[in-house]
Amino acid sequence: MRKVLQYLVVAGLAVLLAMILMAMSLLDASQRRLRTVERLEVTFDGEGSFVTQDEVEAILSRGYGPYIGQRLDSVDLKRIETLLEGKSAILRSEAYVTKDRMLRINILQRQPVLRFRKDGKGWYADAQGFLFPLQDHFTARVPIVDGAVPMTVPEGFKGRPTDEKEVRWLDGMLEMVRFMEHSKVWEDAIVQMHVEKNGDLVLIPREGKERFIFGNPFDCADKFGRLEDYYRYIVPEKGPDYYKTVNVKFEKQIVCRK
């Protein structure tokens, strides 16, 4: 009889505990339904300030509508992320709500590695070759390529080029920039890159009056190696600024002209 009573007590306590937990769960769900968004907080990952919180608020205001005062469990987080990722300078976004009635958004911005200027227009390219317009709020300090850039980029365009020749040239430029960054020599030595009408890429050094005719942006290691040979063997013999142009576009040649 005692064992039966003990069993009934334990079973009763278990049932009571289950009922308490269920009631708490229902109460929490009810409270969640009553909670509404009170404010927005935006955080940014990555260097640069291409996007501001004011701009995020404007995007949501135009594309999503009122979110302050909306129930936490009814906020369409996926829609918010899709809206934000439609802006070219945003690579990825993550939206979520918290118990303290906050709508939080974390934004990963695109990181440009090149800036192009052509016919009074300009655009950026990131390391993956994604092109996007210049931004009003921030100018990235990255290498600039101007002149007869062999790409046709419509106003406001974002994405990879579709023309195969343009893609190949752009990928070559990105590879050249990566080489310069990792060389520890050429990243600071070159201050400007200009594309001539014949398609030749011309590099302008920080010091000296020479203009380095690079040709196309391919075979970078070999071409920069010959430019290093120019500084190692020719400059000590002829002196700085003796030549006006140093041409390394032709294989295994360094053609210097006054």
C-alpha atoms as a PDB file:
ATOM      1  CA  MET A   1       0.000   0.000   0.000  1.00  0.00           C
ATOM      2  CA  ARG A   2       2.870   2.357   0.846  1.00  0.00           C
ATOM      3  CA  LYS A   3       4.512   1.735  -2.530  1.00  0.00           C
ATOM      4  CA  VAL A   4       1.245   2.488  -4.286  1.00  0.00           C
ATOM      5  CA  LEU A   5       0.915   5.780  -2.419  1.00  0.00           C
ATOM      6  CA  GLN A   6       4.522   6.713  -3.240  1.00  0.00           C
ATOM      7  CA  TYR A   7       3.888   5.942  -6.903  1.00  0.00           C
ATOM      8  CA  LEU A   8       0.756   8.079  -6.928  1.00  0.00           C
ATOM      9  CA  VAL A   9       2.589  10.973  -5.278  1.00  0.00           C
ATOM     10  CA  VAL A  10       5.459  10.806  -7.784  1.00  0.00           C
ATOM     11  CA  ALA A  11       3.043  10.516 -10.699  1.00  0.00           C
ATOM     12  CA  GLY A  12       1.005  13.410  -9.389  1.00  0.00           C
ATOM     13  CA  LEU A  13       4.096  15.591  -9.026  1.00  0.00           C
ATOM     14  CA  ALA A  14       5.167  14.698 -12.557  1.00  0.00           C
ATOM     15  CA  VAL A  15       1.762  15.630 -13.928  1.00  0.00           C
ATOM     16  CA  LEU A  16       1.787  18.873 -11.932  1.00  0.00           C
ATOM     17  CA  LEU A  17       5.255  19.747 -13.201  1.00  0.00           C
ATOM     18  CA  ALA A  18       4.199  19.045 -16.781  1.00  0.00           C
ATOM     19  CA  MET A  19       1.160  21.256 -16.351  1.00  0.00           C
ATOM     20  CA  ILE A  20       3.303  24.071 -14.919  1.00  0.00           C
ATOM     21  CA  LEU A  21       5.763  23.839 -17.820  1.00  0.00           C
ATOM     22  CA  MET A  22       2.932  23.819 -20.320  1.00  0.00           C
ATOM     23  CA  ALA A  23       1.353  26.841 -18.674  1.00  0.00           C
ATOM     24  CA  MET A  24       4.679  28.677 -18.719  1.00  0.00           C
ATOM     25  CA  SER A  25       5.147  27.803 -22.382  1.00  0.00           C
ATOM     26  CA  LEU A  26       1.685  29.055 -23.246  1.00  0.00           C
ATOM     27  CA  LEU A  27       2.266  32.207 -21.230  1.00  0.00           C
ATOM     28  CA  ASP A  28       5.606  32.828 -22.973  1.00  0.00           C
ATOM     29  CA  ALA A  29       3.990  32.301 -26.378  1.00  0.00           C
ATOM     30  CA  SER A  30       1.213  34.681 -25.411  1.00  0.00           C
ATOM     31  CA  GLN A  31       3.732  37.258 -24.269  1.00  0.00           C
ATOM     32  CA  ARG A  32       5.662  36.896 -27.514  1.00  0.00           C
ATOM     33  CA  ARG A  33       2.494  37.582 -29.456  1.00  0.00           C
ATOM     34  CA  LEU A  34       1.989  40.722 -27.412  1.00  0.00           C
ATOM     35  CA  ARG A  35       5.590  41.955 -27.746  1.00  0.00           C
ATOM     36  CA  THR A  36       6.248  44.432 -30.555  1.00  0.00           C
ATOM     37  CA  VAL A  37       9.362  45.919 -32.137  1.00  0.00           C
ATOM     38  CA  GLU A  38      10.395  49.049 -30.272  1.00  0.00           C
ATOM     39  CA  ARG A  39      13.616  49.958 -32.073  1.00  0.00           C
ATOM     40  CA  LEU A  40      16.137  48.992 -34.733  1.00  0.00           C
ATOM     41  CA  GLU A  41      19.826  48.323 -34.253  1.00  0.00           C
ATOM     42  CA  VAL A  42      22.187  47.873 -37.232  1.00  0.00           C
ATOM     43  CA  THR A  43      25.758  46.571 -37.006  1.00  0.00           C
ATOM     44  CA  PHE A  44      28.284  46.457 -39.844  1.00  0.00           C
ATOM     45  CA  ASP A  45      31.052  43.986 -40.618  1.00  0.00           C
ATOM     46  CA  GLY A  46      33.975  44.760 -42.886  1.00  0.00           C
ATOM     47  CA  GLU A  47      35.971  47.890 -43.569  1.00  0.00           C
ATOM     48  CA  GLY A  48      34.468  51.005 -45.085  1.00  0.00           C
ATOM     49  CA  SER A  49      31.218  52.859 -44.559  1.00  0.00           C
ATOM     50  CA  PHE A  50      29.311  52.284 -47.773  1.00  0.00           C
ATOM     51  CA  VAL A  51      26.020  51.873 -45.932  1.00  0.00           C
ATOM     52  CA  THR A  52      24.690  53.822 -42.945  1.00  0.00           C
ATOM     53  CA  GLN A  53      21.922  53.050 -40.462  1.00  0.00           C
ATOM     54  CA  ASP A  54      19.909  55.943 -41.902  1.00  0.00           C
ATOM     55  CA  GLU A  55      20.150  54.332 -45.323  1.00  0.00           C
ATOM     56  CA  VAL A  56      19.057  50.956 -43.939  1.00  0.00           C
ATOM     57  CA  GLU A  57      16.060  52.640 -42.301  1.00  0.00           C
ATOM     58  CA  ALA A  58      15.205  54.332 -45.604  1.00  0.00           C
ATOM     59  CA  ILE A  59      15.386  51.017 -47.502  1.00  0.00           C
ATOM     60  CA  LEU A  60      13.061  49.359 -44.994  1.00  0.00           C
ATOM     61  CA  SER A  61      10.695  52.328 -45.003  1.00  0.00           C
ATOM     62  CA  ARG A  62      10.393  52.249 -48.801  1.00  0.00           C
ATOM     63  CA  GLY A  63      10.372  48.508 -49.377  1.00  0.00           C
ATOM     64  CA  TYR A  64       9.035  46.939 -46.193  1.00  0.00           C
ATOM     65  CA  GLY A  65       6.823  49.491 -44.532  1.00  0.00           C
ATOM     66  CA  PRO A  66       6.306  50.110 -40.810  1.00  0.00           C
ATOM     67  CA  TYR A  67       8.159  47.670 -38.577  1.00  0.00           C
ATOM     68  CA  ILE A  68       8.197  49.652 -35.326  1.00  0.00           C
ATOM     69  CA  GLY A  69       5.147  48.421 -33.451  1.00  0.00           C
ATOM     70  CA  GLN A  70       4.936  45.173 -35.431  1.00  0.00           C
ATOM     71  CA  ARG A  71       4.617  41.962 -33.392  1.00  0.00           C
ATOM     72  CA  LEU A  72       7.955  40.182 -33.002  1.00  0.00           C
ATOM     73  CA  ASP A  73       6.560  36.888 -34.295  1.00  0.00           C
ATOM     74  CA  SER A  74       5.167  38.513 -37.445  1.00  0.00           C
ATOM     75  CA  VAL A  75       8.280  40.348 -38.677  1.00  0.00           C
ATOM     76  CA  ASP A  76       9.223  38.969 -42.113  1.00  0.00           C
ATOM     77  CA  LEU A  77      12.956  38.602 -41.544  1.00  0.00           C
ATOM     78  CA  LYS A  78      13.631  36.922 -44.891  1.00  0.00           C
ATOM     79  CA  ARG A  79      11.965  39.768 -46.756  1.00  0.00           C
ATOM     80  CA  ILE A  80      14.068  42.309 -44.869  1.00  0.00           C
ATOM     81  CA  GLU A  81      17.277  40.446 -45.788  1.00  0.00           C
ATOM     82  CA  THR A  82      16.231  40.232 -49.444  1.00  0.00           C
ATOM     83  CA  LEU A  83      15.502  43.958 -49.561  1.00  0.00           C
ATOM     84  CA  LEU A  84      18.865  44.873 -48.070  1.00  0.00           C
ATOM     85  CA  GLU A  85      20.862  42.459 -50.223  1.00  0.00           C
ATOM     86  CA  GLY A  86      19.349  44.137 -53.258  1.00  0.00           C
ATOM     87  CA  LYS A  87      21.614  47.093 -52.535  1.00  0.00           C
ATOM     88  CA  SER A  88      24.860  46.632 -54.439  1.00  0.00           C
ATOM     89  CA  ALA A  89      27.199  47.573 -51.594  1.00  0.00           C
ATOM     90  CA  ILE A  90      25.711  44.905 -49.273  1.00  0.00           C
ATOM     91  CA  LEU A  91      27.125  41.419 -49.665  1.00  0.00           C
ATOM     92  CA  ARG A  92      25.029  39.706 -47.002  1.00  0.00           C
ATOM     93  CA  SER A  93      22.605  40.618 -44.197  1.00  0.00           C
ATOM     94  CA  GLU A  94      21.168  38.801 -41.192  1.00  0.00           C
ATOM     95  CA  ALA A  95      17.975  40.008 -39.502  1.00  0.00           C
ATOM     96  CA  TYR A  96      16.523  38.717 -36.220  1.00  0.00           C
ATOM     97  CA  VAL A  97      14.358  39.876 -33.333  1.00  0.00           C
ATOM     98  CA  THR A  98      15.189  39.658 -29.635  1.00  0.00           C
ATOM     99  CA  LYS A  99      13.176  39.402 -26.419  1.00  0.00           C
ATOM    100  CA  ASP A 100      14.071  42.979 -25.532  1.00  0.00           C
ATOM    101  CA  ARG A 101      11.849  44.049 -28.456  1.00  0.00           C
ATOM    102  CA  MET A 102      14.712  44.868 -30.791  1.00  0.00           C
ATOM    103  CA  LEU A 103      14.965  44.279 -34.521  1.00  0.00           C
ATOM    104  CA  ARG A 104      18.654  43.636 -35.081  1.00  0.00           C
ATOM    105  CA  ILE A 105      20.335  43.587 -38.491  1.00  0.00           C
ATOM    106  CA  ASN A 106      23.945  42.644 -39.150  1.00  0.00           C
ATOM    107  CA  ILE A 107      25.340  43.730 -42.524  1.00  0.00           C
ATOM    108  CA  LEU A 108      28.443  42.491 -44.311  1.00  0.00           C
ATOM    109  CA  GLN A 109      29.529  45.133 -46.813  1.00  0.00           C
ATOM    110  CA  ARG A 110      31.287  44.462 -50.092  1.00  0.00           C
ATOM    111  CA  GLN A 111      34.999  45.208 -50.032  1.00  0.00           C
ATOM    112  CA  PRO A 112      36.206  46.881 -53.262  1.00  0.00           C
ATOM    113  CA  VAL A 113      39.717  46.195 -54.502  1.00  0.00           C
ATOM    114  CA  LEU A 114      39.637  48.348 -57.665  1.00  0.00           C
ATOM    115  CA  ARG A 115      37.980  51.549 -58.782  1.00  0.00           C
ATOM    116  CA  PHE A 116      37.402  52.308 -62.471  1.00  0.00           C
ATOM    117  CA  ARG A 117      36.885  55.676 -64.148  1.00  0.00           C
ATOM    118  CA  LYS A 118      35.710  56.030 -67.732  1.00  0.00           C
ATOM    119  CA  ASP A 119      33.942  58.867 -69.584  1.00  0.00           C
ATOM    120  CA  GLY A 120      33.158  60.705 -66.369  1.00  0.00           C
ATOM    121  CA  LYS A 121      31.590  57.618 -64.763  1.00  0.00           C
ATOM    122  CA  GLY A 122      32.968  55.252 -62.170  1.00  0.00           C
ATOM    123  CA  TRP A 123      32.366  51.951 -60.457  1.00  0.00           C
ATOM    124  CA  TYR A 124      34.010  49.525 -58.030  1.00  0.00           C
ATOM    125  CA  ALA A 125      34.981  45.867 -58.350  1.00  0.00           C
ATOM    126  CA  ASP A 126      35.338  43.505 -55.423  1.00  0.00           C
ATOM    127  CA  ALA A 127      37.749  40.556 -55.281  1.00  0.00           C
ATOM    128  CA  GLN A 128      35.215  38.277 -57.018  1.00  0.00           C
ATOM    129  CA  GLY A 129      34.798  40.663 -59.954  1.00  0.00           C
ATOM    130  CA  PHE A 130      31.379  41.918 -58.826  1.00  0.00           C
ATOM    131  CA  LEU A 131      30.907  45.444 -60.175  1.00  0.00           C
ATOM    132  CA  PHE A 132      28.858  48.013 -58.283  1.00  0.00           C
ATOM    133  CA  PRO A 133      28.373  51.797 -58.449  1.00  0.00           C
ATOM    134  CA  LEU A 134      30.337  54.354 -56.473  1.00  0.00           C
ATOM    135  CA  GLN A 135      28.667  55.218 -53.168  1.00  0.00           C
ATOM    136  CA  ASP A 136      27.608  58.670 -51.980  1.00  0.00           C
ATOM    137  CA  HIS A 137      28.702  58.236 -48.372  1.00  0.00           C
ATOM    138  CA  PHE A 138      32.183  56.771 -48.701  1.00  0.00           C
ATOM    139  CA  THR A 139      35.124  56.576 -51.110  1.00  0.00           C
ATOM    140  CA  ALA A 140      37.355  53.522 -50.781  1.00  0.00           C
ATOM    141  CA  ARG A 141      41.109  53.993 -50.978  1.00  0.00           C
ATOM    142  CA  VAL A 142      41.863  51.385 -53.628  1.00  0.00           C
ATOM    143  CA  PRO A 143      43.875  51.465 -56.878  1.00  0.00           C
ATOM    144  CA  ILE A 144      42.237  53.487 -59.659  1.00  0.00           C
ATOM    145  CA  VAL A 145      42.192  52.463 -63.314  1.00  0.00           C
ATOM    146  CA  ASP A 146      41.170  55.154 -65.796  1.00  0.00           C
ATOM    147  CA  GLY A 147      41.284  55.855 -69.522  1.00  0.00           C
ATOM    148  CA  ALA A 148      39.929  53.554 -72.233  1.00  0.00           C
ATOM    149  CA  VAL A 149      38.813  50.840 -69.820  1.00  0.00           C
ATOM    150  CA  PRO A 150      37.633  47.952 -72.078  1.00  0.00           C
ATOM    151  CA  MET A 151      34.330  47.439 -70.285  1.00  0.00           C
ATOM    152  CA  THR A 152      30.877  48.817 -70.984  1.00  0.00           C
ATOM    153  CA  VAL A 153      29.111  49.274 -67.653  1.00  0.00           C
ATOM    154  CA  PRO A 154      25.594  50.813 -67.694  1.00  0.00           C
ATOM    155  CA  GLU A 155      24.644  53.400 -65.083  1.00  0.00           C
ATOM    156  CA  GLY A 156      23.746  51.694 -61.813  1.00  0.00           C
ATOM    157  CA  PHE A 157      24.915  48.256 -62.998  1.00  0.00           C
ATOM    158  CA  LYS A 158      25.771  45.631 -60.396  1.00  0.00           C
ATOM    159  CA  GLY A 159      27.071  42.141 -61.012  1.00  0.00           C
ATOM    160  CA  ARG A 160      29.661  40.359 -63.117  1.00  0.00           C
ATOM    161  CA  PRO A 161      30.180  41.432 -66.735  1.00  0.00           C
ATOM    162  CA  THR A 162      28.533  39.171 -69.282  1.00  0.00           C
ATOM    163  CA  ASP A 163      30.950  39.691 -72.186  1.00  0.00           C
ATOM    164  CA  GLU A 164      33.697  37.030 -72.173  1.00  0.00           C
ATOM    165  CA  LYS A 165      36.449  39.449 -73.207  1.00  0.00           C
ATOM    166  CA  GLU A 166      35.454  41.894 -70.481  1.00  0.00           C
ATOM    167  CA  VAL A 167      35.385  39.101 -67.893  1.00  0.00           C
ATOM    168  CA  ARG A 168      38.848  37.918 -68.909  1.00  0.00           C
ATOM    169  CA  TRP A 169      40.316  41.435 -68.774  1.00  0.00           C
ATOM    170  CA  LEU A 170      38.685  42.158 -65.412  1.00  0.00           C
ATOM    171  CA  ASP A 171      39.948  38.876 -63.954  1.00  0.00           C
ATOM    172  CA  GLY A 172      43.420  39.767 -65.211  1.00  0.00           C
ATOM    173  CA  MET A 173      43.239  43.148 -63.457  1.00  0.00           C
ATOM    174  CA  LEU A 174      42.142  41.487 -60.216  1.00  0.00           C
ATOM    175  CA  GLU A 175      44.984  38.996 -60.443  1.00  0.00           C
ATOM    176  CA  MET A 176      47.438  41.851 -61.028  1.00  0.00           C
ATOM    177  CA  VAL A 177      46.140  43.712 -57.964  1.00  0.00           C
ATOM    178  CA  ARG A 178      46.493  40.547 -55.856  1.00  0.00           C
ATOM    179  CA  PHE A 179      50.070  40.162 -57.086  1.00  0.00           C
ATOM    180  CA  MET A 180      50.887  43.768 -56.228  1.00  0.00           C
ATOM    181  CA  GLU A 181      49.364  43.428 -52.750  1.00  0.00           C
ATOM    182  CA  HIS A 182      51.400  40.322 -51.958  1.00  0.00           C
ATOM    183  CA  SER A 183      54.671  41.544 -53.467  1.00  0.00           C
ATOM    184  CA  LYS A 184      55.425  44.053 -50.647  1.00  0.00           C
ATOM    185  CA  VAL A 185      57.125  46.148 -53.329  1.00  0.00           C
ATOM    186  CA  TRP A 186      54.645  47.170 -55.984  1.00  0.00           C
ATOM    187  CA  GLU A 187      51.569  47.957 -53.895  1.00  0.00           C
ATOM    188  CA  ASP A 188      52.984  51.333 -52.815  1.00  0.00           C
ATOM    189  CA  ALA A 189      55.257  51.828 -55.827  1.00  0.00           C
ATOM    190  CA  ILE A 190      52.431  52.249 -58.382  1.00  0.00           C
ATOM    191  CA  VAL A 191      50.112  55.220 -57.892  1.00  0.00           C
ATOM    192  CA  GLN A 192      48.031  55.117 -61.063  1.00  0.00           C
ATOM    193  CA  MET A 193      46.996  52.738 -63.844  1.00  0.00           C
ATOM    194  CA  HIS A 194      45.865  54.108 -67.201  1.00  0.00           C
ATOM    195  CA  VAL A 195      44.473  52.314 -70.246  1.00  0.00           C
ATOM    196  CA  GLU A 196      45.577  53.766 -73.584  1.00  0.00           C
ATOM    197  CA  LYS A 197      43.298  53.815 -76.643  1.00  0.00           C
ATOM    198  CA  ASN A 198      45.197  50.869 -78.116  1.00  0.00           C
ATOM    199  CA  GLY A 199      44.402  48.826 -74.978  1.00  0.00           C
ATOM    200  CA  ASP A 200      47.851  49.028 -73.397  1.00  0.00           C
ATOM    201  CA  LEU A 201      47.855  49.291 -69.630  1.00  0.00           C
ATOM    202  CA  VAL A 202      50.328  51.928 -68.437  1.00  0.00           C
ATOM    203  CA  LEU A 203      51.575  51.967 -64.846  1.00  0.00           C
ATOM    204  CA  ILE A 204      52.721  55.226 -63.295  1.00  0.00           C
ATOM    205  CA  PRO A 205      55.206  54.895 -60.406  1.00  0.00           C
ATOM    206  CA  ARG A 206      55.215  56.983 -57.253  1.00  0.00           C
ATOM    207  CA  GLU A 207      58.835  57.994 -57.812  1.00  0.00           C
ATOM    208  CA  GLY A 208      60.458  58.767 -61.138  1.00  0.00           C
ATOM    209  CA  LYS A 209      59.099  60.020 -64.437  1.00  0.00           C
ATOM    210  CA  GLU A 210      59.076  56.685 -66.247  1.00  0.00           C
ATOM    211  CA  ARG A 211      55.875  55.241 -67.626  1.00  0.00           C
ATOM    212  CA  PHE A 212      55.730  51.445 -67.554  1.00  0.00           C
ATOM    213  CA  ILE A 213      53.955  50.009 -70.599  1.00  0.00           C
ATOM    214  CA  PHE A 214      52.485  46.783 -69.278  1.00  0.00           C
ATOM    215  CA  GLY A 215      50.308  45.781 -72.240  1.00  0.00           C
ATOM    216  CA  ASN A 216      47.501  43.500 -71.105  1.00  0.00           C
ATOM    217  CA  PRO A 217      47.075  42.601 -67.421  1.00  0.00           C
ATOM    218  CA  PHE A 218      48.363  39.040 -67.825  1.00  0.00           C
ATOM    219  CA  ASP A 219      51.658  37.277 -67.005  1.00  0.00           C
ATOM    220  CA  CYS A 220      52.069  39.683 -64.094  1.00  0.00           C
ATOM    221  CA  ALA A 221      54.856  37.846 -62.276  1.00  0.00           C
ATOM    222  CA  ASP A 222      57.028  37.804 -65.409  1.00  0.00           C
ATOM    223  CA  LYS A 223      56.368  41.456 -66.326  1.00  0.00           C
ATOM    224  CA  PHE A 224      56.937  42.770 -62.811  1.00  0.00           C
ATOM    225  CA  GLY A 225      60.077  40.638 -62.670  1.00  0.00           C
ATOM    226  CA  ARG A 226      61.419  42.470 -65.713  1.00  0.00           C
ATOM    227  CA  LEU A 227      60.523  45.823 -64.156  1.00  0.00           C
ATOM    228  CA  GLU A 228      62.540  44.775 -61.119  1.00  0.00           C
ATOM    229  CA  ASP A 229      65.426  43.968 -63.470  1.00  0.00           C
ATOM    230  CA  TYR A 230      65.080  47.475 -64.895  1.00  0.00           C
ATOM    231  CA  TYR A 231      65.609  48.957 -61.443  1.00  0.00           C
ATOM    232  CA  ARG A 232      68.332  46.440 -60.588  1.00  0.00           C
ATOM    233  CA  TYR A 233      70.498  46.722 -63.701  1.00  0.00           C
ATOM    234  CA  ILE A 234      69.485  49.637 -65.951  1.00  0.00           C
ATOM    235  CA  VAL A 235      68.759  52.461 -63.500  1.00  0.00           C
ATOM    236  CA  PRO A 236      72.151  52.127 -61.717  1.00  0.00           C
ATOM    237  CA  GLU A 237      73.918  52.430 -65.074  1.00  0.00           C
ATOM    238  CA  LYS A 238      71.807  55.119 -66.770  1.00  0.00           C
ATOM    239  CA  GLY A 239      70.473  56.968 -63.728  1.00  0.00           C
ATOM    240  CA  PRO A 240      66.868  57.694 -62.732  1.00  0.00           C
ATOM    241  CA  ASP A 241      64.533  59.398 -65.221  1.00  0.00           C
ATOM    242  CA  TYR A 242      66.917  58.685 -68.101  1.00  0.00           C
ATOM    243  CA  TYR A 243      64.146  56.889 -70.002  1.00  0.00           C
ATOM    244  CA  LYS A 244      60.618  58.122 -70.575  1.00  0.00           C
ATOM    245  CA  THR A 245      58.989  54.737 -71.152  1.00  0.00           C
ATOM    246  CA  VAL A 246      59.876  51.205 -70.101  1.00  0.00           C
ATOM    247  CA  ASN A 247      58.003  48.614 -72.135  1.00  0.00           C
ATOM    248  CA  VAL A 248      57.603  45.060 -70.816  1.00  0.00           C
ATOM    249  CA  LYS A 249      54.572  44.042 -72.904  1.00  0.00           C
ATOM    250  CA  PHE A 250      56.720  41.888 -75.193  1.00  0.00           C
ATOM    251  CA  GLU A 251      57.873  38.514 -73.894  1.00  0.00           C
ATOM    252  CA  LYS A 252      61.447  38.396 -72.511  1.00  0.00           C
ATOM    253  CA  GLN A 253      62.122  42.033 -73.473  1.00  0.00           C
ATOM    254  CA  ILE A 254      62.660  45.359 -71.725  1.00  0.00           C
ATOM    255  CA  VAL A 255      62.328  48.123 -74.305  1.00  0.00           C
ATOM    256  CA  CYS A 256      63.414  51.522 -72.979  1.00  0.00           C
ATOM    257  CA  ARG A 257      62.897  54.783 -74.830  1.00  0.00           C
ATOM    258  CA  LYS A 258      64.008  58.324 -74.021  1.00  0.00           C
END
